[in-house]
Amino acid sequence: MALDPADFTRCCKDSGILMVVKCRKENSALKDCLTAYYNDPAFYEECKLEYLKEREEFRKTGIPTKKRLQKLPTSM
């Protein structure tokens, strides 16, 4: 049975300091999910292309993507 990655977050919030003991099953499921993405060549290529595109834009503009996407404050 595959668990939703949000299950890990929910378990940790509900368990408090005992999350290390109580959330082992959810942690394992999350780790398996992340490992699957990490080992997927198509996902790697997608991330690489996105990174190269952002790097190219930064080199052109000098503005990081996150700052470029933020709305500029308007004053009137």
PDB file of N, CA and C in Angstrom:
ATOM      1  N   MET A   1       0.838  -1.188   0.000  1.00  0.00           N
ATOM      2  CA  MET A   1       0.000   0.000   0.000  1.00  0.00           C
ATOM      3  C   MET A   1       0.873   1.238   0.000  1.00  0.00           C
ATOM      4  N   ALA A   2       0.764   2.062  -1.022  1.00  0.00           N
ATOM      5  CA  ALA A   2       1.550   3.293  -1.111  1.00  0.00           C
ATOM      6  C   ALA A   2       0.874   4.389  -0.294  1.00  0.00           C
ATOM      7  N   LEU A   3       1.698   5.113   0.411  1.00  0.00           N
ATOM      8  CA  LEU A   3       1.192   6.213   1.213  1.00  0.00           C
ATOM      9  C   LEU A   3       1.444   7.531   0.506  1.00  0.00           C
ATOM     10  N   ASP A   4       0.584   8.470   0.753  1.00  0.00           N
ATOM     11  CA  ASP A   4       0.740   9.821   0.229  1.00  0.00           C
ATOM     12  C   ASP A   4       1.841  10.514   1.036  1.00  0.00           C
ATOM     13  N   PRO A   5       2.758  11.250   0.374  1.00  0.00           N
ATOM     14  CA  PRO A   5       3.810  11.960   1.124  1.00  0.00           C
ATOM     15  C   PRO A   5       3.247  12.890   2.198  1.00  0.00           C
ATOM     16  N   ALA A   6       2.036  13.368   2.016  1.00  0.00           N
ATOM     17  CA  ALA A   6       1.414  14.222   3.036  1.00  0.00           C
ATOM     18  C   ALA A   6       1.139  13.432   4.312  1.00  0.00           C
ATOM     19  N   ASP A   7       1.063  12.108   4.205  1.00  0.00           N
ATOM     20  CA  ASP A   7       0.848  11.278   5.395  1.00  0.00           C
ATOM     21  C   ASP A   7       2.002  11.430   6.376  1.00  0.00           C
ATOM     22  N   PHE A   8       3.217  11.563   5.863  1.00  0.00           N
ATOM     23  CA  PHE A   8       4.385  11.742   6.723  1.00  0.00           C
ATOM     24  C   PHE A   8       4.278  13.062   7.498  1.00  0.00           C
ATOM     25  N   THR A   9       3.910  14.117   6.799  1.00  0.00           N
ATOM     26  CA  THR A   9       3.761  15.421   7.446  1.00  0.00           C
ATOM     27  C   THR A   9       2.684  15.371   8.516  1.00  0.00           C
ATOM     28  N   ARG A  10       1.563  14.763   8.172  1.00  0.00           N
ATOM     29  CA  ARG A  10       0.455  14.658   9.116  1.00  0.00           C
ATOM     30  C   ARG A  10       0.865  13.848  10.350  1.00  0.00           C
ATOM     31  N   CYS A  11       1.565  12.741  10.122  1.00  0.00           N
ATOM     32  CA  CYS A  11       2.007  11.893  11.221  1.00  0.00           C
ATOM     33  C   CYS A  11       2.945  12.661  12.148  1.00  0.00           C
ATOM     34  N   CYS A  12       3.881  13.404  11.566  1.00  0.00           N
ATOM     35  CA  CYS A  12       4.832  14.165  12.381  1.00  0.00           C
ATOM     36  C   CYS A  12       4.130  15.227  13.217  1.00  0.00           C
ATOM     37  N   LYS A  13       3.166  15.905  12.620  1.00  0.00           N
ATOM     38  CA  LYS A  13       2.419  16.934  13.358  1.00  0.00           C
ATOM     39  C   LYS A  13       1.627  16.317  14.500  1.00  0.00           C
ATOM     40  N   ASP A  14       1.034  15.159  14.240  1.00  0.00           N
ATOM     41  CA  ASP A  14       0.209  14.501  15.249  1.00  0.00           C
ATOM     42  C   ASP A  14       1.032  13.846  16.352  1.00  0.00           C
ATOM     43  N   SER A  15       2.266  13.439  16.048  1.00  0.00           N
ATOM     44  CA  SER A  15       3.061  12.658  16.995  1.00  0.00           C
ATOM     45  C   SER A  15       4.000  13.496  17.852  1.00  0.00           C
ATOM     46  N   GLY A  16       4.284  14.710  17.433  1.00  0.00           N
ATOM     47  CA  GLY A  16       5.180  15.560  18.206  1.00  0.00           C
ATOM     48  C   GLY A  16       6.568  14.957  18.312  1.00  0.00           C
ATOM     49  N   ILE A  17       7.103  14.953  19.516  1.00  0.00           N
ATOM     50  CA  ILE A  17       8.481  14.497  19.733  1.00  0.00           C
ATOM     51  C   ILE A  17       8.646  12.994  19.500  1.00  0.00           C
ATOM     52  N   LEU A  18       7.571  12.248  19.536  1.00  0.00           N
ATOM     53  CA  LEU A  18       7.638  10.802  19.333  1.00  0.00           C
ATOM     54  C   LEU A  18       7.582  10.409  17.857  1.00  0.00           C
ATOM     55  N   MET A  19       7.674  11.402  16.954  1.00  0.00           N
ATOM     56  CA  MET A  19       7.547  11.105  15.529  1.00  0.00           C
ATOM     57  C   MET A  19       8.602  10.135  15.031  1.00  0.00           C
ATOM     58  N   VAL A  20       9.782  10.147  15.641  1.00  0.00           N
ATOM     59  CA  VAL A  20      10.861   9.245  15.207  1.00  0.00           C
ATOM     60  C   VAL A  20      10.424   7.792  15.340  1.00  0.00           C
ATOM     61  N   VAL A  21       9.683   7.507  16.371  1.00  0.00           N
ATOM     62  CA  VAL A  21       9.235   6.134  16.626  1.00  0.00           C
ATOM     63  C   VAL A  21       7.917   5.833  15.915  1.00  0.00           C
ATOM     64  N   LYS A  22       6.994   6.781  15.970  1.00  0.00           N
ATOM     65  CA  LYS A  22       5.645   6.531  15.474  1.00  0.00           C
ATOM     66  C   LYS A  22       5.491   6.626  13.955  1.00  0.00           C
ATOM     67  N   CYS A  23       6.382   7.314  13.275  1.00  0.00           N
ATOM     68  CA  CYS A  23       6.194   7.580  11.841  1.00  0.00           C
ATOM     69  C   CYS A  23       7.164   6.809  10.947  1.00  0.00           C
ATOM     70  N   ARG A  24       7.631   5.672  11.392  1.00  0.00           N
ATOM     71  CA  ARG A  24       8.592   4.905  10.599  1.00  0.00           C
ATOM     72  C   ARG A  24       8.013   4.447   9.265  1.00  0.00           C
ATOM     73  N   LYS A  25       6.772   3.973   9.294  1.00  0.00           N
ATOM     74  CA  LYS A  25       6.134   3.492   8.062  1.00  0.00           C
ATOM     75  C   LYS A  25       5.982   4.640   7.061  1.00  0.00           C
ATOM     76  N   GLU A  26       5.515   5.791   7.524  1.00  0.00           N
ATOM     77  CA  GLU A  26       5.337   6.945   6.647  1.00  0.00           C
ATOM     78  C   GLU A  26       6.682   7.461   6.129  1.00  0.00           C
ATOM     79  N   ASN A  27       7.707   7.428   6.978  1.00  0.00           N
ATOM     80  CA  ASN A  27       9.040   7.867   6.571  1.00  0.00           C
ATOM     81  C   ASN A  27       9.596   6.948   5.482  1.00  0.00           C
ATOM     82  N   SER A  28       9.397   5.657   5.641  1.00  0.00           N
ATOM     83  CA  SER A  28       9.869   4.703   4.627  1.00  0.00           C
ATOM     84  C   SER A  28       9.172   4.919   3.294  1.00  0.00           C
ATOM     85  N   ALA A  29       7.865   5.171   3.341  1.00  0.00           N
ATOM     86  CA  ALA A  29       7.105   5.410   2.110  1.00  0.00           C
ATOM     87  C   ALA A  29       7.583   6.686   1.422  1.00  0.00           C
ATOM     88  N   LEU A  30       7.836   7.725   2.202  1.00  0.00           N
ATOM     89  CA  LEU A  30       8.324   8.980   1.633  1.00  0.00           C
ATOM     90  C   LEU A  30       9.701   8.788   1.011  1.00  0.00           C
ATOM     91  N   LYS A  31      10.560   8.066   1.703  1.00  0.00           N
ATOM     92  CA  LYS A  31      11.912   7.798   1.202  1.00  0.00           C
ATOM     93  C   LYS A  31      11.857   7.003  -0.106  1.00  0.00           C
ATOM     94  N   ASP A  32      10.982   6.001  -0.181  1.00  0.00           N
ATOM     95  CA  ASP A  32      10.823   5.210  -1.406  1.00  0.00           C
ATOM     96  C   ASP A  32      10.356   6.087  -2.567  1.00  0.00           C
ATOM     97  N   CYS A  33       9.433   6.999  -2.287  1.00  0.00           N
ATOM     98  CA  CYS A  33       8.913   7.898  -3.314  1.00  0.00           C
ATOM     99  C   CYS A  33      10.028   8.811  -3.835  1.00  0.00           C
ATOM    100  N   LEU A  34      10.785   9.409  -2.933  1.00  0.00           N
ATOM    101  CA  LEU A  34      11.869  10.314  -3.325  1.00  0.00           C
ATOM    102  C   LEU A  34      12.963   9.568  -4.083  1.00  0.00           C
ATOM    103  N   THR A  35      13.267   8.356  -3.651  1.00  0.00           N
ATOM    104  CA  THR A  35      14.296   7.551  -4.309  1.00  0.00           C
ATOM    105  C   THR A  35      13.876   7.208  -5.736  1.00  0.00           C
ATOM    106  N   ALA A  36      12.602   6.936  -5.931  1.00  0.00           N
ATOM    107  CA  ALA A  36      12.110   6.630  -7.274  1.00  0.00           C
ATOM    108  C   ALA A  36      12.332   7.820  -8.209  1.00  0.00           C
ATOM    109  N   TYR A  37      12.042   9.022  -7.741  1.00  0.00           N
ATOM    110  CA  TYR A  37      12.290  10.213  -8.558  1.00  0.00           C
ATOM    111  C   TYR A  37      13.781  10.416  -8.788  1.00  0.00           C
ATOM    112  N   TYR A  38      14.562  10.215  -7.749  1.00  0.00           N
ATOM    113  CA  TYR A  38      16.006  10.419  -7.846  1.00  0.00           C
ATOM    114  C   TYR A  38      16.636   9.497  -8.881  1.00  0.00           C
ATOM    115  N   ASN A  39      16.125   8.305  -9.016  1.00  0.00           N
ATOM    116  CA  ASN A  39      16.680   7.315  -9.937  1.00  0.00           C
ATOM    117  C   ASN A  39      16.038   7.336 -11.324  1.00  0.00           C
ATOM    118  N   ASP A  40      15.083   8.227 -11.553  1.00  0.00           N
ATOM    119  CA  ASP A  40      14.370   8.302 -12.832  1.00  0.00           C
ATOM    120  C   ASP A  40      15.124   9.210 -13.803  1.00  0.00           C
ATOM    121  N   PRO A  41      15.693   8.640 -14.895  1.00  0.00           N
ATOM    122  CA  PRO A  41      16.475   9.445 -15.841  1.00  0.00           C
ATOM    123  C   PRO A  41      15.658  10.556 -16.510  1.00  0.00           C
ATOM    124  N   ALA A  42      14.385  10.319 -16.777  1.00  0.00           N
ATOM    125  CA  ALA A  42      13.546  11.343 -17.406  1.00  0.00           C
ATOM    126  C   ALA A  42      13.368  12.535 -16.469  1.00  0.00           C
ATOM    127  N   PHE A  43      13.162  12.268 -15.194  1.00  0.00           N
ATOM    128  CA  PHE A  43      13.016  13.346 -14.205  1.00  0.00           C
ATOM    129  C   PHE A  43      14.321  14.122 -14.072  1.00  0.00           C
ATOM    130  N   TYR A  44      15.437  13.418 -14.093  1.00  0.00           N
ATOM    131  CA  TYR A  44      16.746  14.064 -14.022  1.00  0.00           C
ATOM    132  C   TYR A  44      16.926  15.030 -15.194  1.00  0.00           C
ATOM    133  N   GLU A  45      16.588  14.581 -16.400  1.00  0.00           N
ATOM    134  CA  GLU A  45      16.727  15.428 -17.583  1.00  0.00           C
ATOM    135  C   GLU A  45      15.806  16.647 -17.502  1.00  0.00           C
ATOM    136  N   GLU A  46      14.592  16.438 -17.018  1.00  0.00           N
ATOM    137  CA  GLU A  46      13.647  17.541 -16.867  1.00  0.00           C
ATOM    138  C   GLU A  46      14.204  18.602 -15.910  1.00  0.00           C
ATOM    139  N   CYS A  47      14.732  18.155 -14.792  1.00  0.00           N
ATOM    140  CA  CYS A  47      15.316  19.084 -13.809  1.00  0.00           C
ATOM    141  C   CYS A  47      16.537  19.795 -14.383  1.00  0.00           C
ATOM    142  N   LYS A  48      17.353  19.054 -15.117  1.00  0.00           N
ATOM    143  CA  LYS A  48      18.561  19.630 -15.707  1.00  0.00           C
ATOM    144  C   LYS A  48      18.200  20.726 -16.707  1.00  0.00           C
ATOM    145  N   LEU A  49      17.213  20.455 -17.560  1.00  0.00           N
ATOM    146  CA  LEU A  49      16.798  21.441 -18.552  1.00  0.00           C
ATOM    147  C   LEU A  49      16.211  22.684 -17.885  1.00  0.00           C
ATOM    148  N   GLU A  50      15.431  22.479 -16.837  1.00  0.00           N
ATOM    149  CA  GLU A  50      14.862  23.616 -16.102  1.00  0.00           C
ATOM    150  C   GLU A  50      15.974  24.458 -15.471  1.00  0.00           C
ATOM    151  N   TYR A  51      16.948  23.801 -14.880  1.00  0.00           N
ATOM    152  CA  TYR A  51      18.081  24.502 -14.276  1.00  0.00           C
ATOM    153  C   TYR A  51      18.857  25.291 -15.329  1.00  0.00           C
ATOM    154  N   LEU A  52      19.149  24.667 -16.459  1.00  0.00           N
ATOM    155  CA  LEU A  52      19.913  25.350 -17.506  1.00  0.00           C
ATOM    156  C   LEU A  52      19.159  26.556 -18.061  1.00  0.00           C
ATOM    157  N   LYS A  53      17.836  26.431 -18.182  1.00  0.00           N
ATOM    158  CA  LYS A  53      17.017  27.549 -18.650  1.00  0.00           C
ATOM    159  C   LYS A  53      17.073  28.705 -17.652  1.00  0.00           C
ATOM    160  N   GLU A  54      16.929  28.396 -16.362  1.00  0.00           N
ATOM    161  CA  GLU A  54      16.984  29.434 -15.332  1.00  0.00           C
ATOM    162  C   GLU A  54      18.365  30.073 -15.276  1.00  0.00           C
ATOM    163  N   ARG A  55      19.411  29.278 -15.438  1.00  0.00           N
ATOM    164  CA  ARG A  55      20.771  29.816 -15.415  1.00  0.00           C
ATOM    165  C   ARG A  55      20.994  30.763 -16.597  1.00  0.00           C
ATOM    166  N   GLU A  56      20.478  30.373 -17.756  1.00  0.00           N
ATOM    167  CA  GLU A  56      20.616  31.216 -18.937  1.00  0.00           C
ATOM    168  C   GLU A  56      19.906  32.560 -18.730  1.00  0.00           C
ATOM    169  N   GLU A  57      18.690  32.510 -18.171  1.00  0.00           N
ATOM    170  CA  GLU A  57      17.950  33.740 -17.895  1.00  0.00           C
ATOM    171  C   GLU A  57      18.693  34.622 -16.890  1.00  0.00           C
ATOM    172  N   PHE A  58      19.256  34.003 -15.867  1.00  0.00           N
ATOM    173  CA  PHE A  58      20.006  34.766 -14.865  1.00  0.00           C
ATOM    174  C   PHE A  58      21.211  35.445 -15.502  1.00  0.00           C
ATOM    175  N   ARG A  59      21.886  34.718 -16.371  1.00  0.00           N
ATOM    176  CA  ARG A  59      23.058  35.308 -17.024  1.00  0.00           C
ATOM    177  C   ARG A  59      22.670  36.467 -17.932  1.00  0.00           C
ATOM    178  N   LYS A  60      21.478  36.410 -18.523  1.00  0.00           N
ATOM    179  CA  LYS A  60      21.004  37.507 -19.377  1.00  0.00           C
ATOM    180  C   LYS A  60      20.579  38.722 -18.557  1.00  0.00           C
ATOM    181  N   THR A  61      19.828  38.463 -17.478  1.00  0.00           N
ATOM    182  CA  THR A  61      19.200  39.554 -16.735  1.00  0.00           C
ATOM    183  C   THR A  61      19.917  39.927 -15.455  1.00  0.00           C
ATOM    184  N   GLY A  62      20.615  38.974 -14.845  1.00  0.00           N
ATOM    185  CA  GLY A  62      21.241  39.216 -13.552  1.00  0.00           C
ATOM    186  C   GLY A  62      20.254  39.145 -12.402  1.00  0.00           C
ATOM    187  N   ILE A  63      19.016  38.748 -12.703  1.00  0.00           N
ATOM    188  CA  ILE A  63      17.972  38.669 -11.677  1.00  0.00           C
ATOM    189  C   ILE A  63      17.585  37.202 -11.493  1.00  0.00           C
ATOM    190  N   PRO A  64      17.650  36.687 -10.252  1.00  0.00           N
ATOM    191  CA  PRO A  64      17.230  35.300 -10.014  1.00  0.00           C
ATOM    192  C   PRO A  64      15.751  35.102 -10.364  1.00  0.00           C
ATOM    193  N   THR A  65      15.393  33.908 -10.769  1.00  0.00           N
ATOM    194  CA  THR A  65      14.025  33.598 -11.183  1.00  0.00           C
ATOM    195  C   THR A  65      13.018  33.947 -10.097  1.00  0.00           C
ATOM    196  N   LYS A  66      13.305  33.609  -8.860  1.00  0.00           N
ATOM    197  CA  LYS A  66      12.358  33.866  -7.779  1.00  0.00           C
ATOM    198  C   LYS A  66      12.054  35.349  -7.654  1.00  0.00           C
ATOM    199  N   LYS A  67      13.074  36.180  -7.754  1.00  0.00           N
ATOM    200  CA  LYS A  67      12.853  37.629  -7.636  1.00  0.00           C
ATOM    201  C   LYS A  67      12.147  38.175  -8.868  1.00  0.00           C
ATOM    202  N   ARG A  68      12.417  37.599 -10.031  1.00  0.00           N
ATOM    203  CA  ARG A  68      11.813  38.060 -11.260  1.00  0.00           C
ATOM    204  C   ARG A  68      10.313  37.752 -11.265  1.00  0.00           C
ATOM    205  N   LEU A  69       9.922  36.662 -10.623  1.00  0.00           N
ATOM    206  CA  LEU A  69       8.519  36.261 -10.615  1.00  0.00           C
ATOM    207  C   LEU A  69       7.697  36.958  -9.549  1.00  0.00           C
ATOM    208  N   GLN A  70       8.346  37.593  -8.578  1.00  0.00           N
ATOM    209  CA  GLN A  70       7.624  38.309  -7.539  1.00  0.00           C
ATOM    210  C   GLN A  70       6.984  39.552  -8.140  1.00  0.00           C
ATOM    211  N   LYS A  71       5.827  39.893  -7.624  1.00  0.00           N
ATOM    212  CA  LYS A  71       5.150  41.092  -8.118  1.00  0.00           C
ATOM    213  C   LYS A  71       5.863  42.324  -7.567  1.00  0.00           C
ATOM    214  N   LEU A  72       6.005  43.292  -8.424  1.00  0.00           N
ATOM    215  CA  LEU A  72       6.607  44.537  -7.993  1.00  0.00           C
ATOM    216  C   LEU A  72       5.565  45.368  -7.258  1.00  0.00           C
ATOM    217  N   PRO A  73       5.964  46.020  -6.177  1.00  0.00           N
ATOM    218  CA  PRO A  73       4.998  46.861  -5.462  1.00  0.00           C
ATOM    219  C   PRO A  73       4.634  48.067  -6.322  1.00  0.00           C
ATOM    220  N   THR A  74       3.362  48.397  -6.296  1.00  0.00           N
ATOM    221  CA  THR A  74       2.917  49.563  -7.053  1.00  0.00           C
ATOM    222  C   THR A  74       2.559  50.664  -6.075  1.00  0.00           C
ATOM    223  N   SER A  75       2.990  51.846  -6.386  1.00  0.00           N
ATOM    224  CA  SER A  75       2.654  52.987  -5.528  1.00  0.00           C
ATOM    225  C   SER A  75       2.090  54.095  -6.398  1.00  0.00           C
ATOM    226  N   MET A  76       1.048  54.703  -5.922  1.00  0.00           N
ATOM    227  CA  MET A  76       0.411  55.770  -6.684  1.00  0.00           C
ATOM    228  C   MET A  76       0.235  56.963  -5.823  1.00  0.00           C
TER     229      MET A  76
END
